[in-house]
Amino acid sequence: MSVNNIEQVLAQMRTIRIQAAGSPELPDPAVQNVSFSNLLKQSIDTVNQTQVQANEMKQAFELGRDDVNLSEVMIAVQKSSLSFEAMLQVRNKLIDAYKEVMNMPI
């Protein structure tokens, strides 16, 4: 896996995160000087926040609150599931890239 592929995946994750947050415009990559570790931590935090929100909505629906309907709960659960699966795939690609680098002859 090349660095360009990783950068493309990260760019897609940023775009999805921005779209999920409802921001109308994309940030300029030249303006932001974000380290890889900070970006990865932010992505993990976003996935965690999505999962927490979905669990809260499920609990509210199970308790019978009137302000939460089933379709909203199902959409939140699916978003949570998809974001976790995407994060898992990124993790797998990063591990593959790490293994590839570690197996390179010096």
PDB file of N, CA and C in Angstrom:
ATOM      1  N   MET A   1       0.855  -1.175   0.000  1.00  0.00           N
ATOM      2  CA  MET A   1       0.000   0.000   0.000  1.00  0.00           C
ATOM      3  C   MET A   1       0.893   1.227   0.000  1.00  0.00           C
ATOM      4  N   SER A   2       0.597   2.144  -0.870  1.00  0.00           N
ATOM      5  CA  SER A   2       1.432   3.329  -0.974  1.00  0.00           C
ATOM      6  C   SER A   2       0.905   4.450  -0.088  1.00  0.00           C
ATOM      7  N   VAL A   3       1.755   5.436   0.096  1.00  0.00           N
ATOM      8  CA  VAL A   3       1.385   6.596   0.906  1.00  0.00           C
ATOM      9  C   VAL A   3       0.247   7.361   0.240  1.00  0.00           C
ATOM     10  N   ASN A   4       0.245   7.380  -1.091  1.00  0.00           N
ATOM     11  CA  ASN A   4      -0.833   8.079  -1.806  1.00  0.00           C
ATOM     12  C   ASN A   4      -2.188   7.447  -1.518  1.00  0.00           C
ATOM     13  N   ASN A   5      -2.233   6.118  -1.443  1.00  0.00           N
ATOM     14  CA  ASN A   5      -3.503   5.449  -1.137  1.00  0.00           C
ATOM     15  C   ASN A   5      -3.975   5.805   0.260  1.00  0.00           C
ATOM     16  N   ILE A   6      -3.058   5.855   1.215  1.00  0.00           N
ATOM     17  CA  ILE A   6      -3.419   6.219   2.579  1.00  0.00           C
ATOM     18  C   ILE A   6      -3.938   7.651   2.613  1.00  0.00           C
ATOM     19  N   GLU A   7      -3.266   8.549   1.897  1.00  0.00           N
ATOM     20  CA  GLU A   7      -3.708   9.941   1.854  1.00  0.00           C
ATOM     21  C   GLU A   7      -5.093  10.061   1.237  1.00  0.00           C
ATOM     22  N   GLN A   8      -5.380   9.257   0.212  1.00  0.00           N
ATOM     23  CA  GLN A   8      -6.695   9.286  -0.414  1.00  0.00           C
ATOM     24  C   GLN A   8      -7.772   8.815   0.556  1.00  0.00           C
ATOM     25  N   VAL A   9      -7.476   7.754   1.300  1.00  0.00           N
ATOM     26  CA  VAL A   9      -8.443   7.241   2.276  1.00  0.00           C
ATOM     27  C   VAL A   9      -8.690   8.284   3.361  1.00  0.00           C
ATOM     28  N   LEU A  10      -7.627   8.911   3.829  1.00  0.00           N
ATOM     29  CA  LEU A  10      -7.788   9.937   4.858  1.00  0.00           C
ATOM     30  C   LEU A  10      -8.573  11.134   4.337  1.00  0.00           C
ATOM     31  N   ALA A  11      -8.335  11.516   3.086  1.00  0.00           N
ATOM     32  CA  ALA A  11      -9.092  12.624   2.499  1.00  0.00           C
ATOM     33  C   ALA A  11     -10.574  12.267   2.407  1.00  0.00           C
ATOM     34  N   GLN A  12     -10.872  11.029   2.058  1.00  0.00           N
ATOM     35  CA  GLN A  12     -12.262  10.592   2.000  1.00  0.00           C
ATOM     36  C   GLN A  12     -12.887  10.600   3.382  1.00  0.00           C
ATOM     37  N   MET A  13     -12.129  10.168   4.395  1.00  0.00           N
ATOM     38  CA  MET A  13     -12.659  10.183   5.763  1.00  0.00           C
ATOM     39  C   MET A  13     -12.951  11.607   6.213  1.00  0.00           C
ATOM     40  N   ARG A  14     -12.068  12.545   5.859  1.00  0.00           N
ATOM     41  CA  ARG A  14     -12.300  13.955   6.218  1.00  0.00           C
ATOM     42  C   ARG A  14     -13.571  14.464   5.557  1.00  0.00           C
ATOM     43  N   THR A  15     -13.748  14.147   4.287  1.00  0.00           N
ATOM     44  CA  THR A  15     -14.921  14.602   3.556  1.00  0.00           C
ATOM     45  C   THR A  15     -16.197  14.030   4.163  1.00  0.00           C
ATOM     46  N   ILE A  16     -16.174  12.753   4.499  1.00  0.00           N
ATOM     47  CA  ILE A  16     -17.345  12.112   5.102  1.00  0.00           C
ATOM     48  C   ILE A  16     -17.639  12.720   6.460  1.00  0.00           C
ATOM     49  N   ARG A  17     -16.588  12.982   7.244  1.00  0.00           N
ATOM     50  CA  ARG A  17     -16.781  13.578   8.568  1.00  0.00           C
ATOM     51  C   ARG A  17     -17.412  14.961   8.444  1.00  0.00           C
ATOM     52  N   ILE A  18     -16.955  15.739   7.478  1.00  0.00           N
ATOM     53  CA  ILE A  18     -17.494  17.081   7.282  1.00  0.00           C
ATOM     54  C   ILE A  18     -18.946  17.017   6.827  1.00  0.00           C
ATOM     55  N   GLN A  19     -19.233  16.083   5.925  1.00  0.00           N
ATOM     56  CA  GLN A  19     -20.604  15.937   5.457  1.00  0.00           C
ATOM     57  C   GLN A  19     -21.519  15.474   6.578  1.00  0.00           C
ATOM     58  N   ALA A  20     -21.039  14.577   7.419  1.00  0.00           N
ATOM     59  CA  ALA A  20     -21.853  14.089   8.529  1.00  0.00           C
ATOM     60  C   ALA A  20     -22.107  15.191   9.555  1.00  0.00           C
ATOM     61  N   ALA A  21     -21.134  16.091   9.705  1.00  0.00           N
ATOM     62  CA  ALA A  21     -21.296  17.186  10.658  1.00  0.00           C
ATOM     63  C   ALA A  21     -22.188  18.290  10.097  1.00  0.00           C
ATOM     64  N   GLY A  22     -22.421  18.269   8.794  1.00  0.00           N
ATOM     65  CA  GLY A  22     -23.300  19.259   8.193  1.00  0.00           C
ATOM     66  C   GLY A  22     -22.596  20.539   7.793  1.00  0.00           C
ATOM     67  N   SER A  23     -21.274  20.531   7.726  1.00  0.00           N
ATOM     68  CA  SER A  23     -20.538  21.719   7.303  1.00  0.00           C
ATOM     69  C   SER A  23     -20.656  21.865   5.795  1.00  0.00           C
ATOM     70  N   PRO A  24     -21.002  23.046   5.300  1.00  0.00           N
ATOM     71  CA  PRO A  24     -21.228  23.220   3.874  1.00  0.00           C
ATOM     72  C   PRO A  24     -19.961  23.296   3.036  1.00  0.00           C
ATOM     73  N   GLU A  25     -18.834  23.634   3.618  1.00  0.00           N
ATOM     74  CA  GLU A  25     -17.637  23.805   2.807  1.00  0.00           C
ATOM     75  C   GLU A  25     -16.498  22.952   3.340  1.00  0.00           C
ATOM     76  N   LEU A  26     -15.620  22.550   2.423  1.00  0.00           N
ATOM     77  CA  LEU A  26     -14.477  21.736   2.794  1.00  0.00           C
ATOM     78  C   LEU A  26     -13.335  22.630   3.273  1.00  0.00           C
ATOM     79  N   PRO A  27     -12.578  22.171   4.264  1.00  0.00           N
ATOM     80  CA  PRO A  27     -11.443  22.969   4.707  1.00  0.00           C
ATOM     81  C   PRO A  27     -10.325  22.928   3.670  1.00  0.00           C
ATOM     82  N   ASP A  28      -9.564  23.999   3.599  1.00  0.00           N
ATOM     83  CA  ASP A  28      -8.435  24.067   2.685  1.00  0.00           C
ATOM     84  C   ASP A  28      -7.272  23.300   3.300  1.00  0.00           C
ATOM     85  N   PRO A  29      -6.750  22.251   2.619  1.00  0.00           N
ATOM     86  CA  PRO A  29      -5.683  21.464   3.220  1.00  0.00           C
ATOM     87  C   PRO A  29      -4.401  22.269   3.429  1.00  0.00           C
ATOM     88  N   ALA A  30      -4.190  23.319   2.635  1.00  0.00           N
ATOM     89  CA  ALA A  30      -2.993  24.131   2.809  1.00  0.00           C
ATOM     90  C   ALA A  30      -3.059  24.961   4.084  1.00  0.00           C
ATOM     91  N   VAL A  31      -4.261  25.307   4.520  1.00  0.00           N
ATOM     92  CA  VAL A  31      -4.424  26.120   5.712  1.00  0.00           C
ATOM     93  C   VAL A  31      -4.188  25.290   6.968  1.00  0.00           C
ATOM     94  N   GLN A  32      -4.657  24.062   6.963  1.00  0.00           N
ATOM     95  CA  GLN A  32      -4.523  23.218   8.133  1.00  0.00           C
ATOM     96  C   GLN A  32      -3.191  22.478   8.099  1.00  0.00           C
ATOM     97  N   ASN A  33      -2.494  22.496   9.216  1.00  0.00           N
ATOM     98  CA  ASN A  33      -1.250  21.763   9.339  1.00  0.00           C
ATOM     99  C   ASN A  33      -1.441  20.753  10.460  1.00  0.00           C
ATOM    100  N   VAL A  34      -2.073  19.620  10.133  1.00  0.00           N
ATOM    101  CA  VAL A  34      -2.456  18.639  11.121  1.00  0.00           C
ATOM    102  C   VAL A  34      -1.536  17.426  10.993  1.00  0.00           C
ATOM    103  N   SER A  35      -1.062  16.932  12.121  1.00  0.00           N
ATOM    104  CA  SER A  35      -0.227  15.740  12.085  1.00  0.00           C
ATOM    105  C   SER A  35      -1.095  14.504  11.874  1.00  0.00           C
ATOM    106  N   PHE A  36      -0.460  13.457  11.421  1.00  0.00           N
ATOM    107  CA  PHE A  36      -1.183  12.219  11.145  1.00  0.00           C
ATOM    108  C   PHE A  36      -1.806  11.654  12.416  1.00  0.00           C
ATOM    109  N   SER A  37      -1.071  11.690  13.498  1.00  0.00           N
ATOM    110  CA  SER A  37      -1.585  11.131  14.752  1.00  0.00           C
ATOM    111  C   SER A  37      -2.794  11.922  15.248  1.00  0.00           C
ATOM    112  N   ASN A  38      -2.765  13.249  15.105  1.00  0.00           N
ATOM    113  CA  ASN A  38      -3.919  14.055  15.516  1.00  0.00           C
ATOM    114  C   ASN A  38      -5.129  13.759  14.644  1.00  0.00           C
ATOM    115  N   LEU A  39      -4.897  13.602  13.355  1.00  0.00           N
ATOM    116  CA  LEU A  39      -5.988  13.302  12.434  1.00  0.00           C
ATOM    117  C   LEU A  39      -6.601  11.934  12.744  1.00  0.00           C
ATOM    118  N   LEU A  40      -5.744  10.967  13.025  1.00  0.00           N
ATOM    119  CA  LEU A  40      -6.236   9.636  13.357  1.00  0.00           C
ATOM    120  C   LEU A  40      -7.025   9.658  14.662  1.00  0.00           C
ATOM    121  N   LYS A  41      -6.526  10.391  15.651  1.00  0.00           N
ATOM    122  CA  LYS A  41      -7.230  10.498  16.932  1.00  0.00           C
ATOM    123  C   LYS A  41      -8.582  11.177  16.748  1.00  0.00           C
ATOM    124  N   GLN A  42      -8.631  12.230  15.939  1.00  0.00           N
ATOM    125  CA  GLN A  42      -9.897  12.915  15.686  1.00  0.00           C
ATOM    126  C   GLN A  42     -10.897  11.974  15.010  1.00  0.00           C
ATOM    127  N   SER A  43     -10.413  11.179  14.071  1.00  0.00           N
ATOM    128  CA  SER A  43     -11.297  10.231  13.383  1.00  0.00           C
ATOM    129  C   SER A  43     -11.840   9.196  14.347  1.00  0.00           C
ATOM    130  N   ILE A  44     -10.985   8.690  15.219  1.00  0.00           N
ATOM    131  CA  ILE A  44     -11.427   7.696  16.202  1.00  0.00           C
ATOM    132  C   ILE A  44     -12.420   8.325  17.169  1.00  0.00           C
ATOM    133  N   ASP A  45     -12.144   9.549  17.589  1.00  0.00           N
ATOM    134  CA  ASP A  45     -13.071  10.245  18.486  1.00  0.00           C
ATOM    135  C   ASP A  45     -14.427  10.471  17.824  1.00  0.00           C
ATOM    136  N   THR A  46     -14.416  10.784  16.541  1.00  0.00           N
ATOM    137  CA  THR A  46     -15.665  10.990  15.813  1.00  0.00           C
ATOM    138  C   THR A  46     -16.475   9.698  15.746  1.00  0.00           C
ATOM    139  N   VAL A  47     -15.794   8.592  15.465  1.00  0.00           N
ATOM    140  CA  VAL A  47     -16.477   7.298  15.419  1.00  0.00           C
ATOM    141  C   VAL A  47     -17.045   6.966  16.797  1.00  0.00           C
ATOM    142  N   ASN A  48     -16.264   7.214  17.836  1.00  0.00           N
ATOM    143  CA  ASN A  48     -16.739   6.957  19.193  1.00  0.00           C
ATOM    144  C   ASN A  48     -17.961   7.812  19.519  1.00  0.00           C
ATOM    145  N   GLN A  49     -17.917   9.084  19.142  1.00  0.00           N
ATOM    146  CA  GLN A  49     -19.041   9.983  19.399  1.00  0.00           C
ATOM    147  C   GLN A  49     -20.294   9.498  18.662  1.00  0.00           C
ATOM    148  N   THR A  50     -20.124   9.021  17.447  1.00  0.00           N
ATOM    149  CA  THR A  50     -21.252   8.501  16.674  1.00  0.00           C
ATOM    150  C   THR A  50     -21.852   7.279  17.352  1.00  0.00           C
ATOM    151  N   GLN A  51     -20.991   6.403  17.881  1.00  0.00           N
ATOM    152  CA  GLN A  51     -21.479   5.215  18.571  1.00  0.00           C
ATOM    153  C   GLN A  51     -22.203   5.571  19.873  1.00  0.00           C
ATOM    154  N   VAL A  52     -21.663   6.513  20.608  1.00  0.00           N
ATOM    155  CA  VAL A  52     -22.297   6.941  21.859  1.00  0.00           C
ATOM    156  C   VAL A  52     -23.669   7.548  21.571  1.00  0.00           C
ATOM    157  N   GLN A  53     -23.733   8.391  20.542  1.00  0.00           N
ATOM    158  CA  GLN A  53     -25.001   9.021  20.183  1.00  0.00           C
ATOM    159  C   GLN A  53     -26.027   7.965  19.766  1.00  0.00           C
ATOM    160  N   ALA A  54     -25.605   6.973  18.991  1.00  0.00           N
ATOM    161  CA  ALA A  54     -26.528   5.916  18.564  1.00  0.00           C
ATOM    162  C   ALA A  54     -27.017   5.114  19.768  1.00  0.00           C
ATOM    163  N   ASN A  55     -26.119   4.824  20.695  1.00  0.00           N
ATOM    164  CA  ASN A  55     -26.539   4.081  21.895  1.00  0.00           C
ATOM    165  C   ASN A  55     -27.508   4.885  22.748  1.00  0.00           C
ATOM    166  N   GLU A  56     -27.279   6.186  22.858  1.00  0.00           N
ATOM    167  CA  GLU A  56     -28.200   7.035  23.620  1.00  0.00           C
ATOM    168  C   GLU A  56     -29.571   7.072  22.964  1.00  0.00           C
ATOM    169  N   MET A  57     -29.587   7.145  21.631  1.00  0.00           N
ATOM    170  CA  MET A  57     -30.862   7.157  20.922  1.00  0.00           C
ATOM    171  C   MET A  57     -31.593   5.820  21.091  1.00  0.00           C
ATOM    172  N   LYS A  58     -30.839   4.716  21.030  1.00  0.00           N
ATOM    173  CA  LYS A  58     -31.470   3.403  21.232  1.00  0.00           C
ATOM    174  C   LYS A  58     -32.074   3.305  22.624  1.00  0.00           C
ATOM    175  N   GLN A  59     -31.336   3.766  23.612  1.00  0.00           N
ATOM    176  CA  GLN A  59     -31.833   3.701  24.988  1.00  0.00           C
ATOM    177  C   GLN A  59     -33.067   4.585  25.165  1.00  0.00           C
ATOM    178  N   ALA A  60     -33.038   5.776  24.565  1.00  0.00           N
ATOM    179  CA  ALA A  60     -34.186   6.673  24.671  1.00  0.00           C
ATOM    180  C   ALA A  60     -35.412   6.052  24.013  1.00  0.00           C
ATOM    181  N   PHE A  61     -35.221   5.399  22.870  1.00  0.00           N
ATOM    182  CA  PHE A  61     -36.346   4.751  22.194  1.00  0.00           C
ATOM    183  C   PHE A  61     -36.881   3.591  23.027  1.00  0.00           C
ATOM    184  N   GLU A  62     -35.971   2.813  23.626  1.00  0.00           N
ATOM    185  CA  GLU A  62     -36.397   1.677  24.441  1.00  0.00           C
ATOM    186  C   GLU A  62     -37.161   2.123  25.683  1.00  0.00           C
ATOM    187  N   LEU A  63     -36.808   3.309  26.185  1.00  0.00           N
ATOM    188  CA  LEU A  63     -37.505   3.831  27.354  1.00  0.00           C
ATOM    189  C   LEU A  63     -38.840   4.471  27.000  1.00  0.00           C
ATOM    190  N   GLY A  64     -39.113   4.605  25.694  1.00  0.00           N
ATOM    191  CA  GLY A  64     -40.405   5.100  25.256  1.00  0.00           C
ATOM    192  C   GLY A  64     -40.519   6.609  25.171  1.00  0.00           C
ATOM    193  N   ARG A  65     -39.402   7.316  25.039  1.00  0.00           N
ATOM    194  CA  ARG A  65     -39.486   8.774  24.898  1.00  0.00           C
ATOM    195  C   ARG A  65     -40.156   9.126  23.585  1.00  0.00           C
ATOM    196  N   ASP A  66     -40.986  10.163  23.629  1.00  0.00           N
ATOM    197  CA  ASP A  66     -41.774  10.545  22.459  1.00  0.00           C
ATOM    198  C   ASP A  66     -40.965  11.304  21.407  1.00  0.00           C
ATOM    199  N   ASP A  67     -39.857  11.910  21.796  1.00  0.00           N
ATOM    200  CA  ASP A  67     -39.099  12.727  20.851  1.00  0.00           C
ATOM    201  C   ASP A  67     -38.156  11.916  19.968  1.00  0.00           C
ATOM    202  N   VAL A  68     -38.100  10.595  20.123  1.00  0.00           N
ATOM    203  CA  VAL A  68     -37.226   9.734  19.327  1.00  0.00           C
ATOM    204  C   VAL A  68     -38.094   8.718  18.600  1.00  0.00           C
ATOM    205  N   ASN A  69     -37.948   8.666  17.273  1.00  0.00           N
ATOM    206  CA  ASN A  69     -38.712   7.663  16.541  1.00  0.00           C
ATOM    207  C   ASN A  69     -37.780   6.587  15.986  1.00  0.00           C
ATOM    208  N   LEU A  70     -38.350   5.503  15.577  1.00  0.00           N
ATOM    209  CA  LEU A  70     -37.598   4.321  15.168  1.00  0.00           C
ATOM    210  C   LEU A  70     -36.694   4.591  13.969  1.00  0.00           C
ATOM    211  N   SER A  71     -37.180   5.352  13.008  1.00  0.00           N
ATOM    212  CA  SER A  71     -36.371   5.594  11.809  1.00  0.00           C
ATOM    213  C   SER A  71     -35.103   6.379  12.151  1.00  0.00           C
ATOM    214  N   GLU A  72     -35.204   7.355  13.047  1.00  0.00           N
ATOM    215  CA  GLU A  72     -34.018   8.106  13.453  1.00  0.00           C
ATOM    216  C   GLU A  72     -33.023   7.202  14.174  1.00  0.00           C
ATOM    217  N   VAL A  73     -33.525   6.313  14.996  1.00  0.00           N
ATOM    218  CA  VAL A  73     -32.660   5.380  15.727  1.00  0.00           C
ATOM    219  C   VAL A  73     -31.948   4.457  14.747  1.00  0.00           C
ATOM    220  N   MET A  74     -32.676   3.912  13.798  1.00  0.00           N
ATOM    221  CA  MET A  74     -32.078   2.984  12.834  1.00  0.00           C
ATOM    222  C   MET A  74     -31.034   3.679  11.972  1.00  0.00           C
ATOM    223  N   ILE A  75     -31.288   4.916  11.582  1.00  0.00           N
ATOM    224  CA  ILE A  75     -30.313   5.659  10.790  1.00  0.00           C
ATOM    225  C   ILE A  75     -29.051   5.927  11.606  1.00  0.00           C
ATOM    226  N   ALA A  76     -29.212   6.309  12.858  1.00  0.00           N
ATOM    227  CA  ALA A  76     -28.058   6.567  13.723  1.00  0.00           C
ATOM    228  C   ALA A  76     -27.246   5.293  13.940  1.00  0.00           C
ATOM    229  N   VAL A  77     -27.913   4.167  14.116  1.00  0.00           N
ATOM    230  CA  VAL A  77     -27.214   2.900  14.315  1.00  0.00           C
ATOM    231  C   VAL A  77     -26.452   2.508  13.050  1.00  0.00           C
ATOM    232  N   GLN A  78     -27.064   2.708  11.894  1.00  0.00           N
ATOM    233  CA  GLN A  78     -26.386   2.377  10.639  1.00  0.00           C
ATOM    234  C   GLN A  78     -25.184   3.291  10.400  1.00  0.00           C
ATOM    235  N   LYS A  79     -25.321   4.583  10.690  1.00  0.00           N
ATOM    236  CA  LYS A  79     -24.183   5.502  10.565  1.00  0.00           C
ATOM    237  C   LYS A  79     -23.055   5.065  11.480  1.00  0.00           C
ATOM    238  N   SER A  80     -23.405   4.686  12.681  1.00  0.00           N
ATOM    239  CA  SER A  80     -22.416   4.224  13.642  1.00  0.00           C
ATOM    240  C   SER A  80     -21.702   2.979  13.132  1.00  0.00           C
ATOM    241  N   SER A  81     -22.466   2.056  12.621  1.00  0.00           N
ATOM    242  CA  SER A  81     -21.899   0.813  12.109  1.00  0.00           C
ATOM    243  C   SER A  81     -20.982   1.066  10.913  1.00  0.00           C
ATOM    244  N   LEU A  82     -21.427   1.902   9.990  1.00  0.00           N
ATOM    245  CA  LEU A  82     -20.618   2.200   8.809  1.00  0.00           C
ATOM    246  C   LEU A  82     -19.332   2.937   9.164  1.00  0.00           C
ATOM    247  N   SER A  83     -19.412   3.876  10.080  1.00  0.00           N
ATOM    248  CA  SER A  83     -18.209   4.605  10.458  1.00  0.00           C
ATOM    249  C   SER A  83     -17.219   3.687  11.163  1.00  0.00           C
ATOM    250  N   PHE A  84     -17.726   2.751  11.979  1.00  0.00           N
ATOM    251  CA  PHE A  84     -16.833   1.799  12.636  1.00  0.00           C
ATOM    252  C   PHE A  84     -16.181   0.872  11.623  1.00  0.00           C
ATOM    253  N   GLU A  85     -16.953   0.384  10.657  1.00  0.00           N
ATOM    254  CA  GLU A  85     -16.401  -0.492   9.625  1.00  0.00           C
ATOM    255  C   GLU A  85     -15.340   0.244   8.795  1.00  0.00           C
ATOM    256  N   ALA A  86     -15.584   1.514   8.471  1.00  0.00           N
ATOM    257  CA  ALA A  86     -14.595   2.297   7.727  1.00  0.00           C
ATOM    258  C   ALA A  86     -13.324   2.465   8.539  1.00  0.00           C
ATOM    259  N   MET A  87     -13.462   2.750   9.829  1.00  0.00           N
ATOM    260  CA  MET A  87     -12.294   2.896  10.686  1.00  0.00           C
ATOM    261  C   MET A  87     -11.536   1.570  10.772  1.00  0.00           C
ATOM    262  N   LEU A  88     -12.248   0.477  10.843  1.00  0.00           N
ATOM    263  CA  LEU A  88     -11.624  -0.835  10.905  1.00  0.00           C
ATOM    264  C   LEU A  88     -10.828  -1.126   9.634  1.00  0.00           C
ATOM    265  N   GLN A  89     -11.371  -0.756   8.489  1.00  0.00           N
ATOM    266  CA  GLN A  89     -10.665  -0.965   7.228  1.00  0.00           C
ATOM    267  C   GLN A  89      -9.408  -0.095   7.138  1.00  0.00           C
ATOM    268  N   VAL A  90      -9.494   1.134   7.610  1.00  0.00           N
ATOM    269  CA  VAL A  90      -8.315   2.005   7.631  1.00  0.00           C
ATOM    270  C   VAL A  90      -7.252   1.405   8.541  1.00  0.00           C
ATOM    271  N   ARG A  91      -7.676   0.903   9.705  1.00  0.00           N
ATOM    272  CA  ARG A  91      -6.728   0.262  10.617  1.00  0.00           C
ATOM    273  C   ARG A  91      -6.051  -0.925   9.951  1.00  0.00           C
ATOM    274  N   ASN A  92      -6.823  -1.752   9.248  1.00  0.00           N
ATOM    275  CA  ASN A  92      -6.256  -2.910   8.573  1.00  0.00           C
ATOM    276  C   ASN A  92      -5.246  -2.497   7.511  1.00  0.00           C
ATOM    277  N   LYS A  93      -5.546  -1.442   6.765  1.00  0.00           N
ATOM    278  CA  LYS A  93      -4.618  -0.963   5.741  1.00  0.00           C
ATOM    279  C   LYS A  93      -3.347  -0.399   6.371  1.00  0.00           C
ATOM    280  N   LEU A  94      -3.499   0.290   7.490  1.00  0.00           N
ATOM    281  CA  LEU A  94      -2.324   0.817   8.176  1.00  0.00           C
ATOM    282  C   LEU A  94      -1.443  -0.306   8.704  1.00  0.00           C
ATOM    283  N   ILE A  95      -2.050  -1.350   9.222  1.00  0.00           N
ATOM    284  CA  ILE A  95      -1.282  -2.499   9.704  1.00  0.00           C
ATOM    285  C   ILE A  95      -0.570  -3.183   8.545  1.00  0.00           C
ATOM    286  N   ASP A  96      -1.255  -3.331   7.425  1.00  0.00           N
ATOM    287  CA  ASP A  96      -0.617  -3.924   6.247  1.00  0.00           C
ATOM    288  C   ASP A  96       0.567  -3.081   5.784  1.00  0.00           C
ATOM    289  N   ALA A  97       0.394  -1.769   5.778  1.00  0.00           N
ATOM    290  CA  ALA A  97       1.490  -0.886   5.371  1.00  0.00           C
ATOM    291  C   ALA A  97       2.659  -0.986   6.349  1.00  0.00           C
ATOM    292  N   TYR A  98       2.365  -1.056   7.628  1.00  0.00           N
ATOM    293  CA  TYR A  98       3.414  -1.201   8.641  1.00  0.00           C
ATOM    294  C   TYR A  98       4.178  -2.504   8.442  1.00  0.00           C
ATOM    295  N   LYS A  99       3.458  -3.599   8.215  1.00  0.00           N
ATOM    296  CA  LYS A  99       4.107  -4.891   7.985  1.00  0.00           C
ATOM    297  C   LYS A  99       4.981  -4.855   6.741  1.00  0.00           C
ATOM    298  N   GLU A 100       4.481  -4.186   5.713  1.00  0.00           N
ATOM    299  CA  GLU A 100       5.243  -4.082   4.472  1.00  0.00           C
ATOM    300  C   GLU A 100       6.541  -3.311   4.687  1.00  0.00           C
ATOM    301  N   VAL A 101       6.460  -2.227   5.443  1.00  0.00           N
ATOM    302  CA  VAL A 101       7.656  -1.440   5.724  1.00  0.00           C
ATOM    303  C   VAL A 101       8.627  -2.238   6.589  1.00  0.00           C
ATOM    304  N   MET A 102       8.114  -2.966   7.559  1.00  0.00           N
ATOM    305  CA  MET A 102       8.979  -3.740   8.453  1.00  0.00           C
ATOM    306  C   MET A 102       9.662  -4.900   7.729  1.00  0.00           C
ATOM    307  N   ASN A 103       9.048  -5.407   6.673  1.00  0.00           N
ATOM    308  CA  ASN A 103       9.634  -6.520   5.932  1.00  0.00           C
ATOM    309  C   ASN A 103      10.553  -6.067   4.811  1.00  0.00           C
ATOM    310  N   MET A 104      10.732  -4.776   4.634  1.00  0.00           N
ATOM    311  CA  MET A 104      11.630  -4.286   3.585  1.00  0.00           C
ATOM    312  C   MET A 104      13.075  -4.580   3.968  1.00  0.00           C
ATOM    313  N   PRO A 105      13.831  -5.069   3.000  1.00  0.00           N
ATOM    314  CA  PRO A 105      15.259  -5.299   3.304  1.00  0.00           C
ATOM    315  C   PRO A 105      16.005  -3.975   3.383  1.00  0.00           C
ATOM    316  N   ILE A 106      16.980  -3.960   4.267  1.00  0.00           N
ATOM    317  CA  ILE A 106      17.747  -2.714   4.451  1.00  0.00           C
ATOM    318  C   ILE A 106      19.053  -2.796   3.696  1.00  0.00           C
TER     319      ILE A 106
END
